[in-house]
Protein backbone atom coordinates (compact mmCIF):
# COMPACT_ATOMS: atom_id res chain seq x y z
CA UNK A 1 10.15 25.95 -3.98
CA UNK A 2 12.49 26.22 -1.02
CA UNK A 3 12.16 23.92 1.94
CA UNK A 4 11.18 25.58 5.21
CA UNK A 5 13.95 26.13 7.72
CA UNK A 6 13.48 23.71 10.62
CA UNK A 7 15.04 23.74 14.02
CA UNK A 8 16.95 20.70 15.24
CA UNK A 9 14.05 19.65 17.45
CA UNK A 10 11.60 19.95 14.53
CA UNK A 11 13.89 17.85 12.34
CA UNK A 12 14.19 15.21 15.06
CA UNK A 13 10.42 15.10 15.48
CA UNK A 14 9.90 14.75 11.72
CA UNK A 15 12.46 11.96 11.58
CA UNK A 16 10.76 10.08 14.43
CA UNK A 17 7.40 10.44 12.70
CA UNK A 18 8.83 9.15 9.40
CA UNK A 19 10.41 6.15 11.12
CA UNK A 20 7.12 5.33 12.86
CA UNK A 21 5.20 5.50 9.57
CA UNK A 22 7.73 3.26 7.80
CA UNK A 23 7.59 0.77 10.65
CA UNK A 24 3.79 0.66 10.53
CA UNK A 25 3.84 0.13 6.74
CA UNK A 26 6.39 -2.67 7.10
CA UNK A 27 4.27 -4.33 9.80
CA UNK A 28 1.20 -4.03 7.59
CA UNK A 29 3.01 -5.61 4.62
CA UNK A 30 4.28 -8.43 6.84
CA UNK A 31 0.75 -9.07 8.12
CA UNK A 32 -0.52 -9.14 4.54
CA UNK A 33 2.23 -11.58 3.54
CA UNK A 34 1.46 -13.88 6.47
CA UNK A 35 -2.28 -13.82 5.80
CA UNK A 36 -3.15 -12.09 9.07
CA UNK A 37 -4.62 -9.21 7.04
CA UNK A 38 -6.59 -9.72 3.83
CA UNK A 39 -6.69 -7.42 0.84
CA UNK A 40 -10.33 -6.35 1.42
CA UNK A 41 -9.47 -5.40 5.01
CA UNK A 42 -6.43 -3.46 3.82
CA UNK A 43 -8.40 -1.61 1.15
CA UNK A 44 -11.15 -0.78 3.64
CA UNK A 45 -8.69 1.30 5.65
CA UNK A 46 -8.72 4.89 4.50
CA UNK A 47 -5.70 6.35 6.26
CA UNK A 48 -2.43 7.76 4.95
CA UNK A 49 -0.49 4.65 5.91
CA UNK A 50 -2.44 2.50 3.44
CA UNK A 51 -3.30 5.26 0.98
CA UNK A 52 0.31 6.00 0.14
CA UNK A 53 1.29 2.40 -0.57
CA UNK A 54 1.87 1.53 -4.20
CA UNK A 55 -0.59 -1.05 -5.54
CA UNK A 56 2.31 -3.09 -6.96
CA UNK A 57 3.93 -3.34 -3.51
CA UNK A 58 0.64 -4.50 -2.00
CA UNK A 59 0.19 -7.15 -4.68
CA UNK A 60 3.76 -8.38 -4.22
CA UNK A 61 3.07 -8.72 -0.49
CA UNK A 62 0.17 -11.09 -1.06
CA UNK A 63 0.98 -14.75 -0.50
CA UNK A 64 1.88 -16.53 -3.72
CA UNK A 65 2.33 -13.40 -5.84
CA UNK A 66 5.77 -12.31 -6.95
CA UNK A 67 7.04 -9.48 -9.08
CA UNK A 68 6.13 -11.03 -12.42
CA UNK A 69 2.60 -12.00 -11.41
CA UNK A 70 2.06 -8.58 -9.82
CA UNK A 71 3.04 -6.93 -13.10
CA UNK A 72 0.67 -9.17 -15.04
CA UNK A 73 -2.16 -8.36 -12.64
CA UNK A 74 -1.55 -4.63 -12.95
CA UNK A 75 -1.66 -4.93 -16.73
CA UNK A 76 -4.82 -7.07 -16.66
CA UNK A 77 -6.53 -4.67 -14.23
CA UNK A 78 -5.36 -1.64 -16.22
CA UNK A 79 -3.63 -0.10 -13.20
CA UNK A 80 -0.49 1.97 -13.65
CA UNK A 81 2.77 0.67 -12.17
CA UNK A 82 3.06 3.88 -10.17
CA UNK A 83 -0.51 4.00 -8.85
CA UNK A 84 -1.00 4.29 -5.12
CA UNK A 85 -3.93 2.82 -3.19
CA UNK A 86 -5.42 6.27 -2.59
CA UNK A 87 -5.39 6.91 -6.34
CA UNK A 88 -7.40 3.86 -7.34
CA UNK A 89 -10.68 4.59 -9.03
CA UNK A 90 -13.91 2.93 -7.95
CA UNK A 91 -13.88 0.48 -10.87
CA UNK A 92 -10.21 -0.43 -10.37
CA UNK A 93 -10.80 -1.01 -6.67
CA UNK A 94 -13.88 -3.16 -7.41
CA UNK A 95 -11.99 -5.29 -9.97
CA UNK A 96 -9.11 -5.75 -7.54
CA UNK A 97 -11.47 -6.83 -4.76
CA UNK A 98 -13.36 -9.19 -7.09
CA UNK A 99 -10.10 -10.82 -8.13
CA UNK A 100 -8.98 -11.41 -4.54
CA UNK A 101 -12.32 -12.15 -2.91
CA UNK A 102 -11.91 -14.73 -0.19
CA UNK A 103 -14.55 -17.31 0.52
CA UNK A 104 -15.07 -17.65 4.26
C-alpha cells in the first residue's frame, strides 16, 4: 500500500502533531514514575495517548518496578510483551488493577 502524497505543509503539520503526542506520553510516564498519577487513573483514561502505550512500558514506569519485574508481572498476568493498553481484555485489566490497587 503506497503512502499518500503530502504537501510540505501537511508533512510539517503531521510532524508537529507527532511531537506533541510523544511529549504528552513522556509527561504521562514521568507523572506515573513520580507517583503523581496512579495506574487506576491511567487505565481509566480512554484516549489514544494512553491506549497506544505498551503495557510493559507502563509497568516499567511504575515506582519500584524495573525491566525484570515488569517481565515477570506480564508473565504472571498472562499479558503479551507486545500488548498495548487499548488491547487489554476485561479480565487482564481487572487483574492488573487488583494487583496495583492503592489503599487511600
